[in-house]
């Protein structure tokens, strides 16, 4: 999830663990803990694009990281906050829960997390977009109300628990919505007599009313959308795989790593001006133009001194802004 959401979650968890003992300091350190796992983005500055993608939501988003580093951070804070009278065990407990809930939440997103690192298995339930106001803003409101209550006030615990309950309930609702929409896509494929190998669904940006489906067929991928307010049949747009364009590069170690990142095959290849582009289908399109699609994540493949590299292409901000307008209209139904 986005940084604000993780800060709010970390702060609320910190409050739940130690708020009664240290007040807003529990929120403060919980918020810090909630942001620590995402420091893996530093890899973007230190390494190549493929390695940075592999590192993101990996080690720092694992159970292992939470267990090992919570006592370390707890010890550091116990030395800073000696006047609090709390031991390193108290602070370690706060850091553990604030750290572990970060990847648990991220596990509901499309990107997912390597929660069981070093095992190469990514938990990705794909039920919530990385930015979802309906999850974050009510949660933030209850956190603010909590913040202005006295440390020993029953209202403080009530507001914080309410925020945690409402946000957690919303996550459960997204699981139900995913089940409902998945069935709708299956029904549409059956009615349109479309033979397919795999079907994946995920929510559209900023909401859980509009959902997207990626459908794998023999030679192409289909992308469709469905709003809970729709009254017309689902339409699927076809995008050829074009995996053959990779030629011998498909056996290249770096290209194999990219393919693995896309959950072993959810990608297309496009060719423009004799240059090959690797399109990651998991995150959909930035525009609604099937004839000239712009995917959310596209990488230029190029060879240098016998090594294949990948460089993420720059996004067209104009298309992204138009997408938000189109998205709002589409959410309202067809």
C-alpha atoms as a PDB file:
ATOM      1  CA  UNK A   1       0.000   0.000   0.000  1.00  0.00           C
ATOM      2  CA  UNK A   2       0.985   3.666  -0.229  1.00  0.00           C
ATOM      3  CA  UNK A   3       3.135   5.332   2.418  1.00  0.00           C
ATOM      4  CA  UNK A   4       0.278   7.252   4.094  1.00  0.00           C
ATOM      5  CA  UNK A   5      -1.743   4.080   4.569  1.00  0.00           C
ATOM      6  CA  UNK A   6       1.205   2.204   6.064  1.00  0.00           C
ATOM      7  CA  UNK A   7       1.943   5.119   8.409  1.00  0.00           C
ATOM      8  CA  UNK A   8      -1.680   5.125   9.593  1.00  0.00           C
ATOM      9  CA  UNK A   9      -1.684   1.352  10.073  1.00  0.00           C
ATOM     10  CA  UNK A  10       1.654   1.397  11.912  1.00  0.00           C
ATOM     11  CA  UNK A  11       0.520   4.223  14.166  1.00  0.00           C
ATOM     12  CA  UNK A  12      -2.759   2.478  15.012  1.00  0.00           C
ATOM     13  CA  UNK A  13      -0.952  -0.778  15.779  1.00  0.00           C
ATOM     14  CA  UNK A  14       1.581   1.076  17.930  1.00  0.00           C
ATOM     15  CA  UNK A  15      -1.268   2.683  19.826  1.00  0.00           C
ATOM     16  CA  UNK A  16      -2.953  -0.668  20.347  1.00  0.00           C
ATOM     17  CA  UNK A  17       0.240  -2.134  21.816  1.00  0.00           C
ATOM     18  CA  UNK A  18       1.606   0.687  24.000  1.00  0.00           C
ATOM     19  CA  UNK A  19      -0.758   3.653  23.733  1.00  0.00           C
ATOM     20  CA  UNK A  20      -2.085   3.236  27.256  1.00  0.00           C
ATOM     21  CA  UNK A  21       1.469   3.374  28.625  1.00  0.00           C
ATOM     22  CA  UNK A  22       3.160   6.088  26.533  1.00  0.00           C
ATOM     23  CA  UNK A  23       0.354   7.859  24.676  1.00  0.00           C
ATOM     24  CA  UNK A  24       1.148   9.425  21.296  1.00  0.00           C
ATOM     25  CA  UNK A  25       4.741   8.186  21.395  1.00  0.00           C
ATOM     26  CA  UNK A  26       3.353   4.742  20.644  1.00  0.00           C
ATOM     27  CA  UNK A  27       1.740   6.158  17.511  1.00  0.00           C
ATOM     28  CA  UNK A  28       4.956   7.921  16.562  1.00  0.00           C
ATOM     29  CA  UNK A  29       7.151   4.834  16.768  1.00  0.00           C
ATOM     30  CA  UNK A  30       4.447   2.675  15.228  1.00  0.00           C
ATOM     31  CA  UNK A  31       4.319   5.048  12.252  1.00  0.00           C
ATOM     32  CA  UNK A  32       8.096   4.817  11.870  1.00  0.00           C
ATOM     33  CA  UNK A  33       7.958   1.023  12.017  1.00  0.00           C
ATOM     34  CA  UNK A  34       5.173   1.032   9.444  1.00  0.00           C
ATOM     35  CA  UNK A  35       7.417   2.757   6.913  1.00  0.00           C
ATOM     36  CA  UNK A  36      10.601   0.728   7.489  1.00  0.00           C
ATOM     37  CA  UNK A  37       9.772  -2.220   5.166  1.00  0.00           C
ATOM     38  CA  UNK A  38       9.363   0.133   2.204  1.00  0.00           C
ATOM     39  CA  UNK A  39      12.929   1.369   2.556  1.00  0.00           C
ATOM     40  CA  UNK A  40      13.736  -1.414   0.090  1.00  0.00           C
ATOM     41  CA  UNK A  41      12.984   1.147  -2.643  1.00  0.00           C
ATOM     42  CA  UNK A  42      16.547   2.367  -2.085  1.00  0.00           C
ATOM     43  CA  UNK A  43      17.459  -0.549  -4.350  1.00  0.00           C
ATOM     44  CA  UNK A  44      16.192   1.567  -7.271  1.00  0.00           C
ATOM     45  CA  UNK A  45      19.173   3.863  -6.736  1.00  0.00           C
ATOM     46  CA  UNK A  46      21.767   1.179  -6.134  1.00  0.00           C
ATOM     47  CA  UNK A  47      21.082  -1.553  -8.662  1.00  0.00           C
ATOM     48  CA  UNK A  48      19.541  -2.384 -12.042  1.00  0.00           C
ATOM     49  CA  UNK A  49      15.790  -2.372 -12.729  1.00  0.00           C
ATOM     50  CA  UNK A  50      15.303  -6.146 -12.677  1.00  0.00           C
ATOM     51  CA  UNK A  51      17.129  -6.625  -9.381  1.00  0.00           C
ATOM     52  CA  UNK A  52      15.241  -3.691  -7.834  1.00  0.00           C
ATOM     53  CA  UNK A  53      11.915  -5.294  -8.806  1.00  0.00           C
ATOM     54  CA  UNK A  54      12.993  -8.588  -7.260  1.00  0.00           C
ATOM     55  CA  UNK A  55      14.071  -6.872  -4.034  1.00  0.00           C
ATOM     56  CA  UNK A  56      10.900  -4.785  -3.656  1.00  0.00           C
ATOM     57  CA  UNK A  57       8.534  -6.332  -1.113  1.00  0.00           C
ATOM     58  CA  UNK A  58      11.004  -9.135  -0.539  1.00  0.00           C
ATOM     59  CA  UNK A  59      13.255  -9.529   2.496  1.00  0.00           C
ATOM     60  CA  UNK A  60      11.972  -6.445   4.356  1.00  0.00           C
ATOM     61  CA  UNK A  61       8.386  -7.669   3.927  1.00  0.00           C
ATOM     62  CA  UNK A  62       8.954 -11.090   5.428  1.00  0.00           C
ATOM     63  CA  UNK A  63       8.202 -12.752   8.740  1.00  0.00           C
ATOM     64  CA  UNK A  64      11.951 -13.266   9.081  1.00  0.00           C
ATOM     65  CA  UNK A  65      12.641  -9.525   8.932  1.00  0.00           C
ATOM     66  CA  UNK A  66       9.984  -8.731  11.543  1.00  0.00           C
ATOM     67  CA  UNK A  67      11.225 -11.377  13.966  1.00  0.00           C
ATOM     68  CA  UNK A  68      14.914 -10.487  13.630  1.00  0.00           C
ATOM     69  CA  UNK A  69      14.744  -6.699  13.498  1.00  0.00           C
ATOM     70  CA  UNK A  70      11.931  -5.978  15.971  1.00  0.00           C
ATOM     71  CA  UNK A  71      14.242  -6.676  18.972  1.00  0.00           C
ATOM     72  CA  UNK A  72      16.977  -4.526  17.422  1.00  0.00           C
ATOM     73  CA  UNK A  73      14.678  -1.546  16.892  1.00  0.00           C
ATOM     74  CA  UNK A  74      13.113  -2.192  20.293  1.00  0.00           C
ATOM     75  CA  UNK A  75      16.519  -2.044  21.973  1.00  0.00           C
ATOM     76  CA  UNK A  76      17.395   1.218  20.202  1.00  0.00           C
ATOM     77  CA  UNK A  77      14.142   2.909  21.222  1.00  0.00           C
ATOM     78  CA  UNK A  78      14.377   1.613  24.795  1.00  0.00           C
ATOM     79  CA  UNK A  79      17.675   3.476  25.085  1.00  0.00           C
ATOM     80  CA  UNK A  80      16.192   6.629  23.574  1.00  0.00           C
ATOM     81  CA  UNK A  81      13.061   6.467  25.737  1.00  0.00           C
ATOM     82  CA  UNK A  82      14.623   5.481  29.070  1.00  0.00           C
ATOM     83  CA  UNK A  83      12.285   7.823  30.936  1.00  0.00           C
ATOM     84  CA  UNK A  84       9.268   5.867  29.732  1.00  0.00           C
ATOM     85  CA  UNK A  85      10.103   3.092  32.175  1.00  0.00           C
ATOM     86  CA  UNK A  86       9.442   0.455  29.527  1.00  0.00           C
ATOM     87  CA  UNK A  87      11.866  -2.356  28.752  1.00  0.00           C
ATOM     88  CA  UNK A  88      13.218  -3.275  25.333  1.00  0.00           C
ATOM     89  CA  UNK A  89      10.714  -6.138  25.321  1.00  0.00           C
ATOM     90  CA  UNK A  90       7.802  -3.698  25.360  1.00  0.00           C
ATOM     91  CA  UNK A  91       9.243  -1.689  22.472  1.00  0.00           C
ATOM     92  CA  UNK A  92      10.208  -4.845  20.602  1.00  0.00           C
ATOM     93  CA  UNK A  93       6.620  -6.028  20.817  1.00  0.00           C
ATOM     94  CA  UNK A  94       5.424  -2.733  19.336  1.00  0.00           C
ATOM     95  CA  UNK A  95       7.919  -2.939  16.486  1.00  0.00           C
ATOM     96  CA  UNK A  96       7.099  -6.553  15.745  1.00  0.00           C
ATOM     97  CA  UNK A  97       3.388  -5.904  15.285  1.00  0.00           C
ATOM     98  CA  UNK A  98       3.912  -2.658  13.364  1.00  0.00           C
ATOM     99  CA  UNK A  99       6.425  -4.376  11.071  1.00  0.00           C
ATOM    100  CA  UNK A 100       4.460  -7.581  10.476  1.00  0.00           C
ATOM    101  CA  UNK A 101       1.139  -5.878   9.705  1.00  0.00           C
ATOM    102  CA  UNK A 102       2.806  -3.916   6.886  1.00  0.00           C
ATOM    103  CA  UNK A 103       3.414  -6.962   4.634  1.00  0.00           C
ATOM    104  CA  UNK A 104       0.133  -8.560   5.720  1.00  0.00           C
ATOM    105  CA  UNK A 105      -1.694  -5.538   4.280  1.00  0.00           C
ATOM    106  CA  UNK A 106       0.509  -5.519   1.173  1.00  0.00           C
ATOM    107  CA  UNK A 107      -0.394  -9.164   0.662  1.00  0.00           C
ATOM    108  CA  UNK A 108      -3.892  -8.046  -0.361  1.00  0.00           C
ATOM    109  CA  UNK A 109      -2.519  -6.000  -3.279  1.00  0.00           C
ATOM    110  CA  UNK A 110      -1.664  -7.041  -6.825  1.00  0.00           C
ATOM    111  CA  UNK A 111       2.083  -6.751  -6.283  1.00  0.00           C
ATOM    112  CA  UNK A 112       1.965  -8.876  -3.170  1.00  0.00           C
ATOM    113  CA  UNK A 113       4.832  -9.698  -0.800  1.00  0.00           C
ATOM    114  CA  UNK A 114       7.442 -12.398  -0.278  1.00  0.00           C
ATOM    115  CA  UNK A 115       6.015 -12.950   3.182  1.00  0.00           C
ATOM    116  CA  UNK A 116       7.745 -16.303   3.570  1.00  0.00           C
ATOM    117  CA  UNK A 117      11.156 -15.144   2.320  1.00  0.00           C
ATOM    118  CA  UNK A 118      13.650 -16.762   1.616  1.00  0.00           C
ATOM    119  CA  UNK A 119      11.124 -19.109   0.003  1.00  0.00           C
ATOM    120  CA  UNK A 120      10.262 -17.778  -3.452  1.00  0.00           C
ATOM    121  CA  UNK A 121       6.537 -17.521  -3.012  1.00  0.00           C
ATOM    122  CA  UNK A 122       4.684 -14.236  -3.378  1.00  0.00           C
ATOM    123  CA  UNK A 123       1.463 -13.714  -1.422  1.00  0.00           C
ATOM    124  CA  UNK A 124      -0.811 -11.597  -3.624  1.00  0.00           C
ATOM    125  CA  UNK A 125      -4.550 -11.826  -2.984  1.00  0.00           C
ATOM    126  CA  UNK A 126      -5.244  -8.986  -5.462  1.00  0.00           C
ATOM    127  CA  UNK A 127      -8.288  -7.598  -3.654  1.00  0.00           C
ATOM    128  CA  UNK A 128      -7.249  -3.966  -3.087  1.00  0.00           C
ATOM    129  CA  UNK A 129      -5.384  -1.352  -5.113  1.00  0.00           C
ATOM    130  CA  UNK A 130      -2.195   0.113  -3.628  1.00  0.00           C
ATOM    131  CA  UNK A 131      -4.076   3.378  -3.027  1.00  0.00           C
ATOM    132  CA  UNK A 132      -7.644   3.059  -1.801  1.00  0.00           C
ATOM    133  CA  UNK A 133      -9.283   6.086  -0.124  1.00  0.00           C
ATOM    134  CA  UNK A 134     -12.125   3.966   1.289  1.00  0.00           C
ATOM    135  CA  UNK A 135      -9.581   2.011   3.298  1.00  0.00           C
ATOM    136  CA  UNK A 136      -7.275   4.860   4.307  1.00  0.00           C
ATOM    137  CA  UNK A 137      -9.414   7.926   5.057  1.00  0.00           C
ATOM    138  CA  UNK A 138     -11.842   6.410   7.614  1.00  0.00           C
ATOM    139  CA  UNK A 139      -8.840   4.769   9.269  1.00  0.00           C
ATOM    140  CA  UNK A 140      -7.023   8.111   9.358  1.00  0.00           C
ATOM    141  CA  UNK A 141     -10.071   9.877  10.812  1.00  0.00           C
ATOM    142  CA  UNK A 142     -10.324   7.447  13.728  1.00  0.00           C
ATOM    143  CA  UNK A 143      -6.569   7.743  14.320  1.00  0.00           C
ATOM    144  CA  UNK A 144      -6.831  11.538  14.558  1.00  0.00           C
ATOM    145  CA  UNK A 145      -9.729  11.231  17.003  1.00  0.00           C
ATOM    146  CA  UNK A 146      -7.611   8.826  19.056  1.00  0.00           C
ATOM    147  CA  UNK A 147      -4.666  11.185  19.057  1.00  0.00           C
ATOM    148  CA  UNK A 148      -6.591  13.961  20.811  1.00  0.00           C
ATOM    149  CA  UNK A 149      -7.860  11.816  23.670  1.00  0.00           C
ATOM    150  CA  UNK A 150      -6.102  11.514  27.007  1.00  0.00           C
ATOM    151  CA  UNK A 151      -3.753   8.569  27.346  1.00  0.00           C
ATOM    152  CA  UNK A 152      -5.946   6.810  29.916  1.00  0.00           C
ATOM    153  CA  UNK A 153      -9.291   7.732  28.350  1.00  0.00           C
ATOM    154  CA  UNK A 154     -11.561   4.816  27.327  1.00  0.00           C
ATOM    155  CA  UNK A 155     -12.495   6.860  24.240  1.00  0.00           C
ATOM    156  CA  UNK A 156      -8.878   6.654  23.068  1.00  0.00           C
ATOM    157  CA  UNK A 157      -8.960   2.869  22.959  1.00  0.00           C
ATOM    158  CA  UNK A 158     -12.480   2.903  21.503  1.00  0.00           C
ATOM    159  CA  UNK A 159     -11.585   5.124  18.523  1.00  0.00           C
ATOM    160  CA  UNK A 160      -8.402   3.231  17.770  1.00  0.00           C
ATOM    161  CA  UNK A 161     -10.087  -0.154  17.931  1.00  0.00           C
ATOM    162  CA  UNK A 162     -12.896   1.179  15.760  1.00  0.00           C
ATOM    163  CA  UNK A 163     -10.368   2.296  13.146  1.00  0.00           C
ATOM    164  CA  UNK A 164      -8.683  -1.110  13.151  1.00  0.00           C
ATOM    165  CA  UNK A 165     -12.053  -2.875  13.002  1.00  0.00           C
ATOM    166  CA  UNK A 166     -13.444  -0.774  10.131  1.00  0.00           C
ATOM    167  CA  UNK A 167     -10.267  -1.078   8.043  1.00  0.00           C
ATOM    168  CA  UNK A 168     -10.004  -4.824   8.646  1.00  0.00           C
ATOM    169  CA  UNK A 169     -13.682  -5.297   7.817  1.00  0.00           C
ATOM    170  CA  UNK A 170     -13.144  -3.447   4.545  1.00  0.00           C
ATOM    171  CA  UNK A 171     -10.379  -5.890   3.636  1.00  0.00           C
ATOM    172  CA  UNK A 172     -12.748  -8.784   4.289  1.00  0.00           C
ATOM    173  CA  UNK A 173     -15.369  -7.126   2.078  1.00  0.00           C
ATOM    174  CA  UNK A 174     -12.822  -6.883  -0.759  1.00  0.00           C
ATOM    175  CA  UNK A 175     -12.404 -10.664  -0.589  1.00  0.00           C
ATOM    176  CA  UNK A 176     -16.157 -11.086  -1.015  1.00  0.00           C
ATOM    177  CA  UNK A 177     -16.243  -8.593  -3.902  1.00  0.00           C
ATOM    178  CA  UNK A 178     -13.409 -10.439  -5.607  1.00  0.00           C
ATOM    179  CA  UNK A 179     -15.390 -13.679  -5.389  1.00  0.00           C
ATOM    180  CA  UNK A 180     -18.507 -12.020  -6.840  1.00  0.00           C
ATOM    181  CA  UNK A 181     -16.694 -10.344  -9.734  1.00  0.00           C
ATOM    182  CA  UNK A 182     -14.592 -13.422 -10.482  1.00  0.00           C
ATOM    183  CA  UNK A 183     -17.808 -15.379 -10.994  1.00  0.00           C
ATOM    184  CA  UNK A 184     -19.108 -12.624 -13.321  1.00  0.00           C
ATOM    185  CA  UNK A 185     -15.993 -12.852 -15.505  1.00  0.00           C
ATOM    186  CA  UNK A 186     -16.209 -16.652 -15.597  1.00  0.00           C
ATOM    187  CA  UNK A 187     -19.848 -16.429 -16.637  1.00  0.00           C
ATOM    188  CA  UNK A 188     -19.052 -13.906 -19.387  1.00  0.00           C
ATOM    189  CA  UNK A 189     -16.268 -16.069 -20.803  1.00  0.00           C
ATOM    190  CA  UNK A 190     -18.585 -19.057 -20.849  1.00  0.00           C
ATOM    191  CA  UNK A 191     -21.418 -17.137 -22.511  1.00  0.00           C
ATOM    192  CA  UNK A 192     -19.043 -15.762 -25.166  1.00  0.00           C
ATOM    193  CA  UNK A 193     -17.586 -19.257 -25.684  1.00  0.00           C
ATOM    194  CA  UNK A 194     -14.039 -18.091 -25.044  1.00  0.00           C
ATOM    195  CA  UNK A 195     -11.606 -20.907 -24.338  1.00  0.00           C
ATOM    196  CA  UNK A 196      -8.955 -19.837 -21.863  1.00  0.00           C
ATOM    197  CA  UNK A 197      -6.107 -21.239 -19.799  1.00  0.00           C
ATOM    198  CA  UNK A 198      -6.024 -18.896 -16.798  1.00  0.00           C
ATOM    199  CA  UNK A 199      -8.066 -16.073 -15.300  1.00  0.00           C
ATOM    200  CA  UNK A 200      -6.881 -13.429 -12.853  1.00  0.00           C
ATOM    201  CA  UNK A 201      -8.921 -10.571 -11.392  1.00  0.00           C
ATOM    202  CA  UNK A 202      -7.969  -7.401  -9.532  1.00  0.00           C
ATOM    203  CA  UNK A 203      -9.591  -4.093  -8.535  1.00  0.00           C
ATOM    204  CA  UNK A 204      -9.182  -0.979 -10.639  1.00  0.00           C
ATOM    205  CA  UNK A 205      -7.241   1.981  -9.197  1.00  0.00           C
ATOM    206  CA  UNK A 206      -8.645   3.794  -6.145  1.00  0.00           C
ATOM    207  CA  UNK A 207     -11.749   1.641  -5.653  1.00  0.00           C
ATOM    208  CA  UNK A 208     -13.237  -1.830  -5.310  1.00  0.00           C
ATOM    209  CA  UNK A 209     -16.360  -1.238  -7.394  1.00  0.00           C
ATOM    210  CA  UNK A 210     -14.669  -1.622 -10.788  1.00  0.00           C
ATOM    211  CA  UNK A 211     -12.656  -4.798 -11.419  1.00  0.00           C
ATOM    212  CA  UNK A 212     -10.307  -5.920 -14.181  1.00  0.00           C
ATOM    213  CA  UNK A 213      -9.703  -9.408 -15.528  1.00  0.00           C
ATOM    214  CA  UNK A 214      -6.614 -10.769 -17.265  1.00  0.00           C
ATOM    215  CA  UNK A 215      -7.424 -13.838 -19.308  1.00  0.00           C
ATOM    216  CA  UNK A 216      -4.806 -16.052 -20.910  1.00  0.00           C
ATOM    217  CA  UNK A 217      -5.698 -17.767 -24.179  1.00  0.00           C
ATOM    218  CA  UNK A 218      -3.467 -19.753 -26.522  1.00  0.00           C
ATOM    219  CA  UNK A 219      -1.912 -16.832 -28.420  1.00  0.00           C
ATOM    220  CA  UNK A 220      -3.161 -13.725 -26.644  1.00  0.00           C
ATOM    221  CA  UNK A 221      -4.246 -12.155 -23.398  1.00  0.00           C
ATOM    222  CA  UNK A 222      -7.708 -10.698 -22.973  1.00  0.00           C
ATOM    223  CA  UNK A 223      -8.399  -7.758 -20.663  1.00  0.00           C
ATOM    224  CA  UNK A 224     -11.920  -7.006 -19.526  1.00  0.00           C
ATOM    225  CA  UNK A 225     -13.583  -4.842 -16.884  1.00  0.00           C
ATOM    226  CA  UNK A 226     -16.722  -5.086 -14.811  1.00  0.00           C
ATOM    227  CA  UNK A 227     -18.393  -2.588 -12.499  1.00  0.00           C
ATOM    228  CA  UNK A 228     -20.813  -3.678  -9.805  1.00  0.00           C
ATOM    229  CA  UNK A 229     -23.224  -1.159 -11.396  1.00  0.00           C
ATOM    230  CA  UNK A 230     -22.962  -2.641 -14.904  1.00  0.00           C
ATOM    231  CA  UNK A 231     -26.063  -3.620 -16.861  1.00  0.00           C
ATOM    232  CA  UNK A 232     -24.422  -4.564 -20.188  1.00  0.00           C
ATOM    233  CA  UNK A 233     -22.298  -7.635 -21.052  1.00  0.00           C
ATOM    234  CA  UNK A 234     -18.570  -7.647 -20.307  1.00  0.00           C
ATOM    235  CA  UNK A 235     -16.313  -6.771 -23.230  1.00  0.00           C
ATOM    236  CA  UNK A 236     -12.853  -8.278 -23.592  1.00  0.00           C
ATOM    237  CA  UNK A 237     -10.029  -6.722 -25.610  1.00  0.00           C
ATOM    238  CA  UNK A 238      -7.326  -8.946 -27.069  1.00  0.00           C
ATOM    239  CA  UNK A 239      -3.575  -8.302 -26.873  1.00  0.00           C
ATOM    240  CA  UNK A 240      -1.281 -10.741 -28.732  1.00  0.00           C
ATOM    241  CA  UNK A 241       1.425 -12.340 -26.605  1.00  0.00           C
ATOM    242  CA  UNK A 242       4.112 -11.907 -29.277  1.00  0.00           C
ATOM    243  CA  UNK A 243       6.507 -13.948 -27.162  1.00  0.00           C
ATOM    244  CA  UNK A 244       8.151 -15.135 -30.372  1.00  0.00           C
ATOM    245  CA  UNK A 245       9.564 -11.630 -30.901  1.00  0.00           C
ATOM    246  CA  UNK A 246      12.061 -12.338 -28.117  1.00  0.00           C
ATOM    247  CA  UNK A 247      13.760 -14.940 -30.278  1.00  0.00           C
ATOM    248  CA  UNK A 248      16.855 -16.318 -28.560  1.00  0.00           C
ATOM    249  CA  UNK A 249      16.521 -13.664 -25.861  1.00  0.00           C
ATOM    250  CA  UNK A 250      13.788 -15.753 -24.238  1.00  0.00           C
ATOM    251  CA  UNK A 251      16.574 -18.023 -22.937  1.00  0.00           C
ATOM    252  CA  UNK A 252      18.570 -15.092 -21.551  1.00  0.00           C
ATOM    253  CA  UNK A 253      18.925 -15.186 -17.720  1.00  0.00           C
ATOM    254  CA  UNK A 254      17.745 -11.587 -17.245  1.00  0.00           C
ATOM    255  CA  UNK A 255      14.731 -12.076 -19.501  1.00  0.00           C
ATOM    256  CA  UNK A 256      13.878 -15.254 -17.584  1.00  0.00           C
ATOM    257  CA  UNK A 257      14.016 -13.237 -14.368  1.00  0.00           C
ATOM    258  CA  UNK A 258      11.557 -10.707 -15.798  1.00  0.00           C
ATOM    259  CA  UNK A 259       9.226 -13.488 -16.909  1.00  0.00           C
ATOM    260  CA  UNK A 260       9.355 -15.006 -13.428  1.00  0.00           C
ATOM    261  CA  UNK A 261       8.485 -11.634 -11.888  1.00  0.00           C
ATOM    262  CA  UNK A 262       5.273 -11.564 -13.965  1.00  0.00           C
ATOM    263  CA  UNK A 263       4.151 -14.753 -12.249  1.00  0.00           C
ATOM    264  CA  UNK A 264       5.711 -16.861 -14.971  1.00  0.00           C
ATOM    265  CA  UNK A 265       4.073 -15.592 -18.103  1.00  0.00           C
ATOM    266  CA  UNK A 266       1.664 -12.662 -17.683  1.00  0.00           C
ATOM    267  CA  UNK A 267       3.407 -10.427 -20.214  1.00  0.00           C
ATOM    268  CA  UNK A 268       3.314  -9.365 -23.847  1.00  0.00           C
ATOM    269  CA  UNK A 269       6.089  -8.196 -26.151  1.00  0.00           C
ATOM    270  CA  UNK A 270       5.676  -5.196 -28.436  1.00  0.00           C
ATOM    271  CA  UNK A 271       8.030  -3.849 -31.065  1.00  0.00           C
ATOM    272  CA  UNK A 272       8.465  -0.179 -31.939  1.00  0.00           C
ATOM    273  CA  UNK A 273      11.186   1.176 -34.213  1.00  0.00           C
ATOM    274  CA  UNK A 274      13.141  -2.098 -34.003  1.00  0.00           C
ATOM    275  CA  UNK A 275      13.114  -1.960 -30.194  1.00  0.00           C
ATOM    276  CA  UNK A 276      11.494  -4.603 -28.005  1.00  0.00           C
ATOM    277  CA  UNK A 277       9.285  -3.723 -25.055  1.00  0.00           C
ATOM    278  CA  UNK A 278       8.307  -6.066 -22.235  1.00  0.00           C
ATOM    279  CA  UNK A 279       4.793  -5.309 -20.925  1.00  0.00           C
ATOM    280  CA  UNK A 280       3.837  -6.577 -17.464  1.00  0.00           C
ATOM    281  CA  UNK A 281       0.114  -7.349 -17.636  1.00  0.00           C
ATOM    282  CA  UNK A 282      -0.474  -7.690 -13.906  1.00  0.00           C
ATOM    283  CA  UNK A 283      -1.121  -3.971 -13.421  1.00  0.00           C
ATOM    284  CA  UNK A 284      -3.208  -3.295 -16.505  1.00  0.00           C
ATOM    285  CA  UNK A 285      -3.327  -0.320 -18.831  1.00  0.00           C
ATOM    286  CA  UNK A 286      -2.771   3.409 -18.392  1.00  0.00           C
ATOM    287  CA  UNK A 287      -5.208   4.204 -21.186  1.00  0.00           C
ATOM    288  CA  UNK A 288      -8.412   2.821 -22.627  1.00  0.00           C
ATOM    289  CA  UNK A 289      -7.121   2.562 -26.193  1.00  0.00           C
ATOM    290  CA  UNK A 290      -6.798  -1.119 -27.195  1.00  0.00           C
ATOM    291  CA  UNK A 291      -5.286  -0.123 -30.572  1.00  0.00           C
ATOM    292  CA  UNK A 292      -2.434   1.809 -28.972  1.00  0.00           C
ATOM    293  CA  UNK A 293      -2.159   0.444 -25.435  1.00  0.00           C
ATOM    294  CA  UNK A 294       0.118   1.884 -22.794  1.00  0.00           C
ATOM    295  CA  UNK A 295       0.681  -0.551 -19.951  1.00  0.00           C
ATOM    296  CA  UNK A 296       1.287   0.554 -16.380  1.00  0.00           C
ATOM    297  CA  UNK A 297       4.638  -1.242 -16.349  1.00  0.00           C
ATOM    298  CA  UNK A 298       6.629  -1.489 -19.578  1.00  0.00           C
ATOM    299  CA  UNK A 299      10.354  -2.149 -19.902  1.00  0.00           C
ATOM    300  CA  UNK A 300      12.605  -1.430 -22.850  1.00  0.00           C
ATOM    301  CA  UNK A 301      14.848  -4.428 -23.506  1.00  0.00           C
ATOM    302  CA  UNK A 302      18.291  -3.680 -24.860  1.00  0.00           C
ATOM    303  CA  UNK A 303      21.627  -5.409 -25.195  1.00  0.00           C
ATOM    304  CA  UNK A 304      24.912  -3.953 -24.025  1.00  0.00           C
ATOM    305  CA  UNK A 305      28.215  -5.838 -24.119  1.00  0.00           C
ATOM    306  CA  UNK A 306      26.376  -9.126 -24.444  1.00  0.00           C
ATOM    307  CA  UNK A 307      24.065  -8.506 -21.461  1.00  0.00           C
ATOM    308  CA  UNK A 308      20.305  -7.929 -21.755  1.00  0.00           C
ATOM    309  CA  UNK A 309      19.065  -5.010 -19.649  1.00  0.00           C
ATOM    310  CA  UNK A 310      15.583  -3.724 -18.878  1.00  0.00           C
ATOM    311  CA  UNK A 311      14.704  -0.052 -18.424  1.00  0.00           C
ATOM    312  CA  UNK A 312      11.275   1.066 -17.265  1.00  0.00           C
ATOM    313  CA  UNK A 313       9.720   3.465 -19.772  1.00  0.00           C
ATOM    314  CA  UNK A 314       8.542   6.910 -18.731  1.00  0.00           C
ATOM    315  CA  UNK A 315       4.821   7.286 -18.233  1.00  0.00           C
ATOM    316  CA  UNK A 316       2.659   9.707 -20.175  1.00  0.00           C
ATOM    317  CA  UNK A 317       1.135  11.903 -17.461  1.00  0.00           C
ATOM    318  CA  UNK A 318      -1.573  13.082 -19.831  1.00  0.00           C
ATOM    319  CA  UNK A 319      -2.796   9.526 -20.358  1.00  0.00           C
ATOM    320  CA  UNK A 320      -2.767   8.894 -16.610  1.00  0.00           C
ATOM    321  CA  UNK A 321      -4.851  12.011 -15.936  1.00  0.00           C
ATOM    322  CA  UNK A 322      -7.332  11.062 -18.652  1.00  0.00           C
ATOM    323  CA  UNK A 323      -7.510   7.564 -17.197  1.00  0.00           C
ATOM    324  CA  UNK A 324      -8.723   8.947 -13.852  1.00  0.00           C
ATOM    325  CA  UNK A 325     -11.578  10.747 -15.599  1.00  0.00           C
ATOM    326  CA  UNK A 326     -12.480   7.676 -17.642  1.00  0.00           C
ATOM    327  CA  UNK A 327     -12.187   5.545 -14.522  1.00  0.00           C
ATOM    328  CA  UNK A 328     -14.784   7.576 -12.647  1.00  0.00           C
ATOM    329  CA  UNK A 329     -17.229   7.295 -15.547  1.00  0.00           C
ATOM    330  CA  UNK A 330     -16.599   3.568 -15.845  1.00  0.00           C
ATOM    331  CA  UNK A 331     -17.127   2.972 -12.105  1.00  0.00           C
ATOM    332  CA  UNK A 332     -20.682   4.280 -12.477  1.00  0.00           C
ATOM    333  CA  UNK A 333     -21.523   1.396 -14.797  1.00  0.00           C
ATOM    334  CA  UNK A 334     -22.076   0.886 -18.533  1.00  0.00           C
END
